[in-house]
Amino acid sequence: MSTVVRAGHLADVRHGEVLRDQAVIVDGDRIVDVKPWGAVQTSTSDVVDLSDYLVCPGLIDLHTHLIGNLDHGSYMPYLTKSAGWALFEGVRNAKTTLEAGFTTVRDMGTFRAFLDCDLRDAINGGIVTGPRIHAAGGYVTSSTGGGEITDLALDIPLPRDFRIGVADSVDEVRKAVRTLIHGGADFIKVIATGAGFAAGTTPGAPEFSEAEIHAAVEEARHYGKTVAAHAHGTEGALRAVRAGVRTLDHGSYISGSEIFDAMKEAGTIYVPTTYLIHWVDDQGASSGFPEEVRRKVHDAVDLSMDALREAVERKLPIAYGTDAIIFPHGENAAQMKDFSDVGMTGMEILQSATVNAADALGSGDVGIVEPGRFADMVAIRNVATVDDFHIFDNIDVVIKGGEVVR
């Protein structure tokens, strides 16, 4: 038996418009048709009546970390609890994220390799509740780099599963990529620069050569996979873009025409993560974040917004990602304010978190309410337009795979 979702208003993100009184016809977990409500025969169908709601595609966050919990801005506590405990926290975080309206996420990796793949499989198997997950499996990082736990004494060895992706040469990068893909990764994440939360690293400094990043891209391509680059500084970002990464994530310090021209020419999708910077700058001290972390983040407050503004002005492809874990899961939509502040319209913001994000994933299954895609939708009551991004702060209805989950 099919289900019909009656949408008082429906956001058509492919064409950038809102349609009135539409019917979304669902068979199983897929959309089979979208048509005006008046053209639908409903006698043999179940109806989900959202005639008083604006219905949009399920939202997508391209940069989350669902596994574990970041305690006081330090990675070291990941060593004090078991993998099982980290997964339990991931189950909680996944449920919170889904209920916030984010029906698909790209999980950007865990320090204990492959726990995000386990969570993905548990969700897909119906064991726990959560969004659709595209999992990185772990980090391809240089030793003592932005993807390592660096706030331990050097004479304390890390367990093997914390160092699966550590690589310091082209050949080691290729091996790390193969190991992650063979372990179940959906894509590869390369740590191209230092990180704000990795003690001792410099966010603006490159940590892989262009040849090493290219090796990751080439090796991933053999398996039909893409590469996402964590990159804050301009030189590391340039190396990643020239090497052929699919997305450039963060870009907190990038500046100058060279990097933006390179991204435009390569078609690199920009995934800025600005909200976490504001959040840590405002709340890092009271939340117990180390002074080094707060200093690094504070340095990026204005620079990150300048980078986002220039990307918007240059009409670069922008997709939505937040780095949820630095700030509480469930607040994923809060970053929409930053996008609005640099001149993006409500529809453009929604497109960044739906059709643009789906394009970054290479997925024809999510991101748009149209035939053939998963029946993933969110709805907000008594709203008729997407002009005000604040509507996504309090989503009333969440549908994943045709089932109302909230």
Protein backbone atom coordinates (compact mmCIF):
# COMPACT_ATOMS: atom_id res chain seq x y z
CA MET A 1 0.00 0.00 0.00
CA SER A 2 1.33 3.42 -0.92
CA THR A 3 1.41 6.44 1.34
CA VAL A 4 0.58 9.98 0.25
CA VAL A 5 2.10 12.95 2.02
CA ARG A 6 -0.06 16.02 1.49
CA ALA A 7 2.17 19.10 1.57
CA GLY A 8 0.49 22.46 1.96
CA HIS A 9 3.71 23.92 0.56
CA LEU A 10 6.60 21.94 -0.89
CA ALA A 11 10.15 23.23 -1.37
CA ASP A 12 11.37 22.32 -4.84
CA VAL A 13 15.10 22.75 -4.25
CA ARG A 14 16.03 21.66 -7.77
CA HIS A 15 14.26 24.66 -9.29
CA GLY A 16 14.46 27.00 -6.31
CA GLU A 17 10.74 27.50 -5.76
CA VAL A 18 7.96 26.58 -3.37
CA LEU A 19 4.92 24.75 -4.76
CA ARG A 20 1.44 24.86 -3.23
CA ASP A 21 -0.76 21.90 -2.23
CA GLN A 22 1.31 19.00 -3.49
CA ALA A 23 1.09 15.24 -3.04
CA VAL A 24 4.23 13.19 -2.47
CA ILE A 25 3.44 9.57 -3.25
CA VAL A 26 5.61 7.06 -1.42
CA ASP A 27 5.96 3.33 -2.03
CA GLY A 28 8.05 1.62 0.62
CA ASP A 29 10.94 3.94 1.41
CA ARG A 30 11.03 5.71 -1.97
CA ILE A 31 9.16 8.55 -3.62
CA VAL A 32 7.36 7.38 -6.75
CA ASP A 33 5.61 10.58 -7.79
CA VAL A 34 5.04 14.22 -6.92
CA LYS A 35 1.95 15.95 -8.29
CA PRO A 36 -0.72 18.51 -7.38
CA TRP A 37 -3.00 17.28 -4.61
CA GLY A 38 -6.07 17.63 -6.80
CA ALA A 39 -4.71 15.02 -9.21
CA VAL A 40 -4.41 12.29 -6.57
CA GLN A 41 -6.81 9.43 -5.88
CA THR A 42 -6.49 8.63 -2.17
CA SER A 43 -9.13 5.98 -1.56
CA THR A 44 -6.61 3.13 -1.24
CA SER A 45 -3.77 5.06 0.30
CA ASP A 46 -2.73 6.16 3.74
CA VAL A 47 -2.47 9.94 3.95
CA VAL A 48 -0.02 11.91 6.07
CA ASP A 49 -1.80 15.25 6.22
CA LEU A 50 0.73 18.08 6.25
CA SER A 51 -1.56 20.56 4.56
CA ASP A 52 -0.70 23.16 7.21
CA TYR A 53 3.03 22.65 6.79
CA LEU A 54 5.96 23.55 4.61
CA VAL A 55 7.60 20.30 3.51
CA CYS A 56 11.28 20.23 2.54
CA PRO A 57 13.76 17.49 1.71
CA GLY A 58 15.46 15.92 4.71
CA LEU A 59 18.48 18.04 5.63
CA ILE A 60 22.06 16.89 5.11
CA ASP A 61 25.08 17.70 7.28
CA LEU A 62 28.31 16.89 5.44
CA HIS A 63 30.61 17.28 8.42
CA THR A 64 29.64 15.51 11.62
CA HIS A 65 31.37 13.27 14.15
CA LEU A 66 28.69 11.13 15.76
CA ILE A 67 30.97 8.75 17.66
CA GLY A 68 31.94 9.61 21.20
CA ASN A 69 31.97 12.99 22.87
CA LEU A 70 34.51 15.81 22.90
CA ASP A 71 35.24 16.42 26.58
CA HIS A 72 36.48 19.93 27.34
CA GLY A 73 38.02 20.35 23.91
CA SER A 74 40.50 17.51 24.31
CA TYR A 75 40.87 14.24 22.39
CA MET A 76 42.68 12.45 25.21
CA PRO A 77 39.50 11.26 27.01
CA TYR A 78 38.78 8.99 24.03
CA LEU A 79 41.42 6.71 25.56
CA THR A 80 39.69 6.51 28.93
CA LYS A 81 36.53 4.74 27.73
CA SER A 82 35.86 1.65 25.69
CA ALA A 83 34.85 1.39 22.05
CA GLY A 84 31.46 0.18 23.25
CA TRP A 85 30.94 3.33 25.30
CA ALA A 86 31.90 5.50 22.32
CA LEU A 87 29.33 3.65 20.20
CA PHE A 88 26.61 4.14 22.83
CA GLU A 89 27.34 7.86 22.71
CA GLY A 90 27.14 7.62 18.93
CA VAL A 91 23.70 6.02 19.16
CA ARG A 92 22.51 8.93 21.28
CA ASN A 93 24.07 11.50 18.95
CA ALA A 94 22.58 9.84 15.88
CA LYS A 95 19.07 9.92 17.30
CA THR A 96 19.44 13.58 18.31
CA THR A 97 20.71 14.51 14.84
CA LEU A 98 17.85 12.74 13.08
CA GLU A 99 15.24 14.36 15.31
CA ALA A 100 16.75 17.76 14.43
CA GLY A 101 15.79 17.08 10.81
CA PHE A 102 19.13 15.89 9.43
CA THR A 103 18.17 12.65 7.76
CA THR A 104 21.58 12.15 6.10
CA VAL A 105 25.07 12.94 7.40
CA ARG A 106 28.61 12.44 6.31
CA ASP A 107 30.47 11.23 9.38
CA MET A 108 33.98 12.57 9.05
CA GLY A 109 35.74 9.87 11.00
CA THR A 110 36.63 8.59 14.42
CA PHE A 111 39.90 8.15 16.28
CA ARG A 112 39.04 4.48 16.81
CA ALA A 113 38.77 3.36 13.21
CA PHE A 114 35.52 2.00 11.79
CA LEU A 115 33.16 2.71 14.70
CA ASP A 116 31.27 5.10 12.42
CA CYS A 117 30.92 2.25 9.91
CA ASP A 118 29.49 0.07 12.67
CA LEU A 119 26.98 2.77 13.60
CA ARG A 120 26.02 3.18 9.94
CA ASP A 121 25.42 -0.55 9.60
CA ALA A 122 23.40 -0.70 12.82
CA ILE A 123 21.14 2.10 11.58
CA ASN A 124 20.76 0.51 8.15
CA GLY A 125 19.94 -2.78 9.80
CA GLY A 126 17.19 -1.26 11.91
CA ILE A 127 18.98 -1.96 15.20
CA VAL A 128 19.17 1.69 16.26
CA THR A 129 17.64 4.96 15.05
CA GLY A 130 19.60 7.58 13.17
CA PRO A 131 20.28 9.34 9.89
CA ARG A 132 21.74 7.76 6.78
CA ILE A 133 25.50 7.80 7.31
CA HIS A 134 28.30 8.12 4.78
CA ALA A 135 31.27 7.06 6.90
CA ALA A 136 34.96 7.94 6.61
CA GLY A 137 36.08 5.08 8.85
CA GLY A 138 39.04 7.07 10.17
CA TYR A 139 41.55 9.74 9.20
CA VAL A 140 44.40 9.72 6.71
CA THR A 141 46.82 11.89 8.65
CA SER A 142 50.52 12.48 9.05
CA SER A 143 52.13 11.22 12.24
CA THR A 144 51.64 13.73 15.09
CA GLY A 145 49.31 15.61 12.73
CA GLY A 146 45.79 16.95 12.92
CA GLY A 147 44.20 13.50 12.88
CA GLU A 148 46.20 12.08 15.77
CA ILE A 149 45.75 12.31 19.52
CA THR A 150 48.67 14.57 20.29
CA ASP A 151 48.10 15.61 23.91
CA LEU A 152 49.76 12.51 25.39
CA ALA A 153 53.37 12.03 26.43
CA LEU A 154 55.40 10.62 23.55
CA ASP A 155 56.33 7.51 25.52
CA ILE A 156 52.67 6.46 25.75
CA PRO A 157 51.88 4.30 22.70
CA LEU A 158 48.47 4.58 21.06
CA PRO A 159 46.50 1.40 20.25
CA ARG A 160 46.64 0.26 16.61
CA ASP A 161 43.00 1.14 15.90
CA PHE A 162 43.79 4.77 16.75
CA ARG A 163 46.52 4.90 14.07
CA ILE A 164 44.99 3.04 11.10
CA GLY A 165 45.29 6.01 8.76
CA VAL A 166 48.64 7.43 9.85
CA ALA A 167 50.90 7.86 6.81
CA ASP A 168 54.11 9.74 6.04
CA SER A 169 54.80 9.01 2.38
CA VAL A 170 52.97 8.46 -0.90
CA ASP A 171 53.12 4.70 -0.50
CA GLU A 172 51.90 4.85 3.10
CA VAL A 173 49.02 7.09 2.04
CA ARG A 174 47.96 4.54 -0.58
CA LYS A 175 48.10 1.76 2.01
CA ALA A 176 46.05 3.81 4.48
CA VAL A 177 43.39 4.52 1.86
CA ARG A 178 43.12 0.84 0.94
CA THR A 179 42.91 -0.17 4.60
CA LEU A 180 40.08 2.27 5.28
CA ILE A 181 38.13 1.30 2.17
CA HIS A 182 38.57 -2.41 2.82
CA GLY A 183 37.29 -1.77 6.35
CA GLY A 184 34.07 -0.23 5.04
CA ALA A 185 34.71 3.48 4.47
CA ASP A 186 32.33 5.20 2.04
CA PHE A 187 34.84 7.96 1.26
CA ILE A 188 38.28 9.07 2.39
CA LYS A 189 39.09 11.97 4.66
CA VAL A 190 42.57 13.47 4.38
CA ILE A 191 43.88 15.80 7.08
CA ALA A 192 45.68 18.27 4.82
CA THR A 193 46.59 20.82 7.53
CA GLY A 194 46.91 21.02 11.27
CA ALA A 195 43.80 21.21 13.42
CA GLY A 196 42.37 23.56 15.98
CA PHE A 197 41.76 20.79 18.50
CA ALA A 198 44.92 18.69 18.02
CA ALA A 199 47.41 19.90 20.60
CA GLY A 200 50.61 21.31 19.15
CA THR A 201 49.47 21.39 15.53
CA THR A 202 49.12 24.61 13.54
CA PRO A 203 45.79 24.82 11.69
CA GLY A 204 47.18 26.95 8.89
CA ALA A 205 50.19 24.72 8.20
CA PRO A 206 50.07 22.03 5.49
CA GLU A 207 50.79 18.49 6.68
CA PHE A 208 50.75 16.55 3.39
CA SER A 209 52.42 17.26 0.07
CA GLU A 210 50.31 17.62 -3.04
CA ALA A 211 51.73 14.30 -4.26
CA GLU A 212 50.57 12.55 -1.10
CA ILE A 213 47.05 13.96 -1.36
CA HIS A 214 46.94 13.08 -5.05
CA ALA A 215 47.89 9.51 -4.13
CA ALA A 216 44.87 9.39 -1.79
CA VAL A 217 42.58 10.74 -4.52
CA GLU A 218 43.92 8.33 -7.12
CA GLU A 219 43.76 5.31 -4.83
CA ALA A 220 40.22 6.16 -3.71
CA ARG A 221 39.17 6.59 -7.32
CA HIS A 222 40.14 2.99 -8.06
CA TYR A 223 37.33 1.99 -5.70
CA GLY A 224 34.82 4.58 -6.91
CA LYS A 225 35.35 6.71 -3.80
CA THR A 226 35.96 10.42 -3.34
CA VAL A 227 38.18 12.36 -0.95
CA ALA A 228 37.23 15.10 1.49
CA ALA A 229 40.04 17.34 2.69
CA HIS A 230 40.24 18.85 6.16
CA ALA A 231 42.13 22.07 5.38
CA HIS A 232 42.27 25.35 7.27
CA GLY A 233 45.15 27.24 5.67
CA THR A 234 45.56 28.42 2.09
CA GLU A 235 48.63 26.38 1.10
CA GLY A 236 47.20 23.10 2.40
CA ALA A 237 43.89 23.88 0.74
CA LEU A 238 45.61 24.62 -2.58
CA ARG A 239 47.46 21.32 -2.45
CA ALA A 240 44.21 19.48 -1.79
CA VAL A 241 42.28 21.23 -4.55
CA ARG A 242 45.03 20.67 -7.10
CA ALA A 243 45.19 17.02 -6.06
CA GLY A 244 41.50 16.60 -6.94
CA VAL A 245 39.60 16.33 -3.67
CA ARG A 246 35.80 16.42 -3.92
CA THR A 247 35.19 18.75 -0.97
CA LEU A 248 37.29 21.26 0.91
CA ASP A 249 36.11 21.27 4.51
CA HIS A 250 36.68 24.13 6.97
CA GLY A 251 38.81 26.55 4.91
CA SER A 252 38.90 28.69 8.01
CA TYR A 253 41.98 30.71 7.02
CA ILE A 254 41.87 30.57 3.22
CA SER A 255 42.30 33.86 1.40
CA GLY A 256 43.50 35.29 -1.90
CA SER A 257 42.32 34.83 -5.45
CA GLU A 258 44.56 31.83 -6.10
CA ILE A 259 42.69 29.40 -3.86
CA PHE A 260 39.22 30.57 -4.87
CA ASP A 261 40.13 30.51 -8.56
CA ALA A 262 41.53 27.00 -8.14
CA MET A 263 38.35 25.80 -6.42
CA LYS A 264 36.20 27.35 -9.13
CA GLU A 265 38.22 25.76 -11.92
CA ALA A 266 38.33 22.33 -10.28
CA GLY A 267 34.67 22.35 -9.24
CA THR A 268 35.68 21.71 -5.63
CA ILE A 269 32.72 21.94 -3.29
CA TYR A 270 33.32 24.16 -0.27
CA VAL A 271 32.07 22.94 3.11
CA PRO A 272 32.68 25.82 5.54
CA THR A 273 32.28 25.15 9.26
CA THR A 274 31.80 28.54 10.84
CA TYR A 275 29.27 27.97 13.62
CA LEU A 276 31.63 25.89 15.74
CA ILE A 277 34.13 28.77 15.64
CA HIS A 278 31.59 31.23 17.02
CA TRP A 279 30.38 28.66 19.56
CA VAL A 280 33.84 27.93 20.96
CA ASP A 281 34.79 31.60 20.95
CA ASP A 282 31.66 32.37 22.98
CA GLN A 283 31.49 29.30 25.23
CA GLY A 284 34.90 27.64 25.12
CA ALA A 285 36.18 29.15 28.36
CA SER A 286 33.09 28.25 30.39
CA SER A 287 33.09 24.77 28.81
CA GLY A 288 36.66 24.09 29.90
CA PHE A 289 38.33 24.18 26.48
CA PRO A 290 42.14 24.52 26.69
CA GLU A 291 43.64 27.96 26.17
CA GLU A 292 45.55 26.76 23.07
CA VAL A 293 42.30 25.62 21.44
CA ARG A 294 40.51 28.85 22.30
CA ARG A 295 43.37 30.91 20.89
CA LYS A 296 43.41 28.98 17.61
CA VAL A 297 39.65 29.28 17.26
CA HIS A 298 39.57 32.97 18.13
CA ASP A 299 42.10 33.67 15.38
CA ALA A 300 39.66 32.17 12.86
CA VAL A 301 36.49 34.06 13.81
CA ASP A 302 36.75 36.88 11.27
CA LEU A 303 38.89 35.01 8.75
CA SER A 304 36.39 32.16 8.41
CA MET A 305 33.51 34.53 7.76
CA ASP A 306 35.61 36.46 5.23
CA ALA A 307 36.35 33.19 3.41
CA LEU A 308 32.68 32.23 3.38
CA ARG A 309 31.68 35.68 2.14
CA GLU A 310 34.17 35.57 -0.71
CA ALA A 311 33.04 32.08 -1.71
CA VAL A 312 29.44 33.31 -1.87
CA GLU A 313 30.38 36.39 -3.87
CA ARG A 314 32.33 34.24 -6.33
CA LYS A 315 29.38 31.82 -6.58
CA LEU A 316 31.43 28.78 -5.61
CA PRO A 317 29.46 25.60 -4.94
CA ILE A 318 28.78 25.56 -1.20
CA ALA A 319 27.42 22.63 0.77
CA TYR A 320 26.35 22.43 4.39
CA GLY A 321 28.56 20.93 7.08
CA THR A 322 28.97 21.90 10.71
CA ASP A 323 31.58 19.79 12.57
CA ALA A 324 28.91 18.80 15.08
CA ILE A 325 30.60 17.32 18.16
CA ILE A 326 32.55 20.49 18.87
CA PHE A 327 29.16 22.01 19.74
CA PRO A 328 26.16 19.92 20.89
CA HIS A 329 24.56 17.57 18.38
CA GLY A 330 21.09 18.72 17.41
CA GLU A 331 22.16 22.33 16.94
CA ASN A 332 23.22 21.60 13.36
CA ALA A 333 20.86 24.18 11.84
CA ALA A 334 22.41 27.03 13.86
CA GLN A 335 25.07 27.58 11.19
CA MET A 336 22.40 28.79 8.77
CA LYS A 337 22.66 32.21 10.42
CA ASP A 338 26.26 32.57 9.25
CA PHE A 339 25.20 31.74 5.70
CA SER A 340 22.48 34.37 5.89
CA ASP A 341 24.91 36.93 7.31
CA VAL A 342 27.08 36.72 4.19
CA GLY A 343 24.16 37.21 1.82
CA MET A 344 22.74 33.77 1.04
CA THR A 345 18.97 33.65 0.60
CA GLY A 346 16.76 31.23 2.49
CA MET A 347 16.42 29.03 -0.60
CA GLU A 348 20.18 29.06 -1.21
CA ILE A 349 20.78 28.03 2.39
CA LEU A 350 18.27 25.19 2.06
CA GLN A 351 19.86 24.11 -1.22
CA SER A 352 23.28 24.00 0.46
CA ALA A 353 21.87 21.51 2.98
CA THR A 354 19.95 19.43 0.44
CA VAL A 355 20.66 19.28 -3.30
CA ASN A 356 24.19 20.72 -3.05
CA ALA A 357 25.11 18.36 -0.23
CA ALA A 358 23.69 15.40 -2.14
CA ASP A 359 25.84 16.42 -5.10
CA ALA A 360 28.89 16.47 -2.86
CA LEU A 361 28.03 12.94 -1.73
CA GLY A 362 27.54 11.84 -5.32
CA SER A 363 24.13 10.57 -4.27
CA GLY A 364 20.98 10.50 -6.36
CA ASP A 365 19.10 9.00 -3.42
CA VAL A 366 18.69 12.02 -1.13
CA GLY A 367 18.49 15.81 -1.16
CA ILE A 368 15.41 16.39 -3.34
CA VAL A 369 11.74 15.46 -3.02
CA GLU A 370 11.33 13.78 -6.39
CA PRO A 371 10.64 10.32 -7.83
CA GLY A 372 13.32 7.71 -7.23
CA ARG A 373 14.78 9.30 -4.11
CA PHE A 374 14.37 8.19 -0.54
CA ALA A 375 11.23 9.58 1.08
CA ASP A 376 13.19 11.76 3.50
CA MET A 377 11.37 14.96 4.43
CA VAL A 378 11.01 17.55 7.16
CA ALA A 379 8.00 19.74 7.82
CA ILE A 380 7.40 22.99 9.67
CA ARG A 381 3.89 24.00 10.66
CA ASN A 382 2.22 27.25 9.62
CA VAL A 383 5.05 28.20 7.28
CA ALA A 384 4.69 28.89 3.56
CA THR A 385 8.18 29.99 2.45
CA VAL A 386 11.84 29.23 3.11
CA ASP A 387 12.78 32.90 3.34
CA ASP A 388 13.50 32.77 7.09
CA PHE A 389 16.23 30.23 7.91
CA HIS A 390 15.13 30.21 11.55
CA ILE A 391 12.28 27.85 10.63
CA PHE A 392 14.79 24.98 10.67
CA ASP A 393 15.63 25.57 14.33
CA ASN A 394 12.39 23.89 15.38
CA ILE A 395 11.26 21.27 12.91
CA ASP A 396 7.89 19.74 13.71
CA VAL A 397 7.88 16.57 11.59
CA VAL A 398 10.75 14.35 10.41
CA ILE A 399 10.17 11.56 7.88
CA LYS A 400 12.89 9.11 6.95
CA GLY A 401 12.28 6.45 4.33
CA GLY A 402 8.56 7.17 4.38
CA GLU A 403 8.25 6.63 8.14
CA VAL A 404 7.44 9.47 10.52
CA VAL A 405 10.23 9.40 13.11
CA ARG A 406 9.20 12.62 14.83
